[in-house]
Amino acid sequence: MDERQNNCFREFDDMTPKRKEPSVQVINDMLRDLRQEQITFYGEILLKVENKLNEDKGIDDEMRKIWLNRLSRNIHRSFELSEILIHNYVTKKIDEFKTVVDKKLREL
């Protein structure tokens, strides 16, 4: 086996952002942004909202729990929808790739 065949996957060793295809970078960015939004919401925003509601003596415990639960559920649903959109985008890109590969194979 010659050196080329032995190292056929060497081309994929360096997948730093500068080497990624634009569509791969877009997917990477979308996933990173979604993860960051989740971290920010659950780690910061939800805590701030809960603290603000706790400070307001005019809001009883039951109402505060209802509001926080509703907010959390709605944001969770929003994150799920974002994941579905990213998944659909990835599926579309895979389908486009398959179409190009099939066309190239037919040309051989």
C-alpha atoms as a PDB file:
ATOM      1  CA  MET A   1       0.000   0.000   0.000  1.00  0.00           C
ATOM      2  CA  ASP A   2       1.493   3.338  -0.986  1.00  0.00           C
ATOM      3  CA  GLU A   3       1.667   6.408   1.290  1.00  0.00           C
ATOM      4  CA  ARG A   4      -1.419   8.013  -0.277  1.00  0.00           C
ATOM      5  CA  GLN A   5      -3.634   5.015   0.338  1.00  0.00           C
ATOM      6  CA  ASN A   6      -2.226   4.489   3.802  1.00  0.00           C
ATOM      7  CA  ASN A   7      -3.132   8.062   4.797  1.00  0.00           C
ATOM      8  CA  CYS A   8      -6.375   8.505   2.872  1.00  0.00           C
ATOM      9  CA  PHE A   9      -8.033  10.255   5.826  1.00  0.00           C
ATOM     10  CA  ARG A  10      -5.175  12.661   6.555  1.00  0.00           C
ATOM     11  CA  GLU A  11      -7.103  15.387   4.735  1.00  0.00           C
ATOM     12  CA  PHE A  12      -9.606  15.342   7.614  1.00  0.00           C
ATOM     13  CA  ASP A  13      -7.052  15.645  10.419  1.00  0.00           C
ATOM     14  CA  ASP A  14      -7.309  19.422  10.543  1.00  0.00           C
ATOM     15  CA  MET A  15     -10.948  20.436  10.898  1.00  0.00           C
ATOM     16  CA  THR A  16     -10.323  23.781  12.553  1.00  0.00           C
ATOM     17  CA  PRO A  17     -12.855  26.496  11.685  1.00  0.00           C
ATOM     18  CA  LYS A  18     -10.593  27.929   8.991  1.00  0.00           C
ATOM     19  CA  ARG A  19     -10.659  24.588   7.157  1.00  0.00           C
ATOM     20  CA  LYS A  20     -14.353  23.827   7.443  1.00  0.00           C
ATOM     21  CA  GLU A  21     -16.684  24.167   4.516  1.00  0.00           C
ATOM     22  CA  PRO A  22     -19.017  27.162   4.851  1.00  0.00           C
ATOM     23  CA  SER A  23     -22.075  24.954   5.420  1.00  0.00           C
ATOM     24  CA  VAL A  24     -20.262  22.987   8.137  1.00  0.00           C
ATOM     25  CA  GLN A  25     -19.223  26.239   9.794  1.00  0.00           C
ATOM     26  CA  VAL A  26     -22.817  27.507   9.647  1.00  0.00           C
ATOM     27  CA  ILE A  27     -24.076  24.336  11.338  1.00  0.00           C
ATOM     28  CA  ASN A  28     -21.322  24.543  13.940  1.00  0.00           C
ATOM     29  CA  ASP A  29     -22.202  28.189  14.635  1.00  0.00           C
ATOM     30  CA  MET A  30     -25.927  27.438  14.918  1.00  0.00           C
ATOM     31  CA  LEU A  31     -25.319  24.618  17.401  1.00  0.00           C
ATOM     32  CA  ARG A  32     -22.838  26.704  19.418  1.00  0.00           C
ATOM     33  CA  ASP A  33     -25.274  29.642  19.536  1.00  0.00           C
ATOM     34  CA  LEU A  34     -28.133  27.394  20.633  1.00  0.00           C
ATOM     35  CA  ARG A  35     -26.030  25.865  23.421  1.00  0.00           C
ATOM     36  CA  GLN A  36     -24.950  29.328  24.554  1.00  0.00           C
ATOM     37  CA  GLU A  37     -28.550  30.549  24.600  1.00  0.00           C
ATOM     38  CA  GLN A  38     -29.538  27.560  26.747  1.00  0.00           C
ATOM     39  CA  ILE A  39     -26.663  28.158  29.167  1.00  0.00           C
ATOM     40  CA  THR A  40     -27.523  31.852  29.400  1.00  0.00           C
ATOM     41  CA  PHE A  41     -31.219  31.267  29.919  1.00  0.00           C
ATOM     42  CA  TYR A  42     -30.996  28.490  32.515  1.00  0.00           C
ATOM     43  CA  GLY A  43     -27.855  29.802  34.200  1.00  0.00           C
ATOM     44  CA  GLU A  44     -28.615  33.517  34.317  1.00  0.00           C
ATOM     45  CA  ILE A  45     -31.939  34.781  32.999  1.00  0.00           C
ATOM     46  CA  LEU A  46     -34.222  32.306  34.755  1.00  0.00           C
ATOM     47  CA  LEU A  47     -32.408  32.929  38.050  1.00  0.00           C
ATOM     48  CA  LYS A  48     -32.766  36.704  37.644  1.00  0.00           C
ATOM     49  CA  VAL A  49     -36.482  36.398  36.884  1.00  0.00           C
ATOM     50  CA  GLU A  50     -36.976  34.094  39.871  1.00  0.00           C
ATOM     51  CA  ASN A  51     -35.084  36.492  42.165  1.00  0.00           C
ATOM     52  CA  LYS A  52     -37.108  39.444  40.901  1.00  0.00           C
ATOM     53  CA  LEU A  53     -40.362  37.568  41.522  1.00  0.00           C
ATOM     54  CA  ASN A  54     -39.157  36.578  44.998  1.00  0.00           C
ATOM     55  CA  GLU A  55     -38.448  40.243  45.804  1.00  0.00           C
ATOM     56  CA  ASP A  56     -41.982  41.298  44.881  1.00  0.00           C
ATOM     57  CA  LYS A  57     -44.101  40.720  47.967  1.00  0.00           C
ATOM     58  CA  GLY A  58     -47.285  41.220  45.948  1.00  0.00           C
ATOM     59  CA  ILE A  59     -46.782  37.889  44.156  1.00  0.00           C
ATOM     60  CA  ASP A  60     -47.683  34.815  46.148  1.00  0.00           C
ATOM     61  CA  ASP A  61     -45.673  31.573  45.971  1.00  0.00           C
ATOM     62  CA  GLU A  62     -48.258  29.702  43.915  1.00  0.00           C
ATOM     63  CA  MET A  63     -48.446  32.402  41.226  1.00  0.00           C
ATOM     64  CA  ARG A  64     -44.644  32.697  41.115  1.00  0.00           C
ATOM     65  CA  LYS A  65     -44.328  28.928  40.597  1.00  0.00           C
ATOM     66  CA  ILE A  66     -46.937  29.032  37.815  1.00  0.00           C
ATOM     67  CA  TRP A  67     -45.182  31.899  36.018  1.00  0.00           C
ATOM     68  CA  LEU A  68     -41.733  30.344  36.310  1.00  0.00           C
ATOM     69  CA  ASN A  69     -43.010  26.967  35.176  1.00  0.00           C
ATOM     70  CA  ARG A  70     -44.800  28.511  32.188  1.00  0.00           C
ATOM     71  CA  LEU A  71     -41.744  30.587  31.232  1.00  0.00           C
ATOM     72  CA  SER A  72     -39.449  27.576  31.510  1.00  0.00           C
ATOM     73  CA  ARG A  73     -41.772  25.363  29.438  1.00  0.00           C
ATOM     74  CA  ASN A  74     -42.169  27.983  26.714  1.00  0.00           C
ATOM     75  CA  ILE A  75     -38.434  28.624  26.439  1.00  0.00           C
ATOM     76  CA  HIS A  76     -37.776  24.867  26.431  1.00  0.00           C
ATOM     77  CA  ARG A  77     -40.249  24.518  23.558  1.00  0.00           C
ATOM     78  CA  SER A  78     -38.466  27.339  21.732  1.00  0.00           C
ATOM     79  CA  PHE A  79     -35.126  25.529  22.129  1.00  0.00           C
ATOM     80  CA  GLU A  80     -36.694  22.318  20.824  1.00  0.00           C
ATOM     81  CA  LEU A  81     -38.026  24.159  17.763  1.00  0.00           C
ATOM     82  CA  SER A  82     -34.565  25.612  17.148  1.00  0.00           C
ATOM     83  CA  GLU A  83     -33.101  22.106  17.312  1.00  0.00           C
ATOM     84  CA  ILE A  84     -35.679  20.900  14.777  1.00  0.00           C
ATOM     85  CA  LEU A  85     -34.809  23.778  12.429  1.00  0.00           C
ATOM     86  CA  ILE A  86     -31.102  22.967  12.701  1.00  0.00           C
ATOM     87  CA  HIS A  87     -31.832  19.290  12.085  1.00  0.00           C
ATOM     88  CA  ASN A  88     -33.890  20.168   8.995  1.00  0.00           C
ATOM     89  CA  TYR A  89     -31.092  22.394   7.711  1.00  0.00           C
ATOM     90  CA  VAL A  90     -28.540  19.595   8.195  1.00  0.00           C
ATOM     91  CA  THR A  91     -30.843  17.110   6.448  1.00  0.00           C
ATOM     92  CA  LYS A  92     -31.246  19.519   3.520  1.00  0.00           C
ATOM     93  CA  LYS A  93     -27.471  19.921   3.233  1.00  0.00           C
ATOM     94  CA  ILE A  94     -26.978  16.142   3.330  1.00  0.00           C
ATOM     95  CA  ASP A  95     -29.575  15.707   0.592  1.00  0.00           C
ATOM     96  CA  GLU A  96     -27.830  18.362  -1.510  1.00  0.00           C
ATOM     97  CA  PHE A  97     -24.496  16.588  -0.978  1.00  0.00           C
ATOM     98  CA  LYS A  98     -26.001  13.229  -1.987  1.00  0.00           C
ATOM     99  CA  THR A  99     -27.415  14.772  -5.144  1.00  0.00           C
ATOM    100  CA  VAL A 100     -24.022  16.189  -6.129  1.00  0.00           C
ATOM    101  CA  VAL A 101     -22.260  12.884  -5.383  1.00  0.00           C
ATOM    102  CA  ASP A 102     -24.841  10.891  -7.355  1.00  0.00           C
ATOM    103  CA  LYS A 103     -24.438  13.245 -10.314  1.00  0.00           C
ATOM    104  CA  LYS A 104     -20.644  12.942 -10.204  1.00  0.00           C
ATOM    105  CA  LEU A 105     -20.847   9.143  -9.978  1.00  0.00           C
ATOM    106  CA  ARG A 106     -23.101   8.979 -13.023  1.00  0.00           C
ATOM    107  CA  GLU A 107     -20.575  11.080 -14.925  1.00  0.00           C
ATOM    108  CA  LEU A 108     -17.820   8.495 -14.303  1.00  0.00           C
END
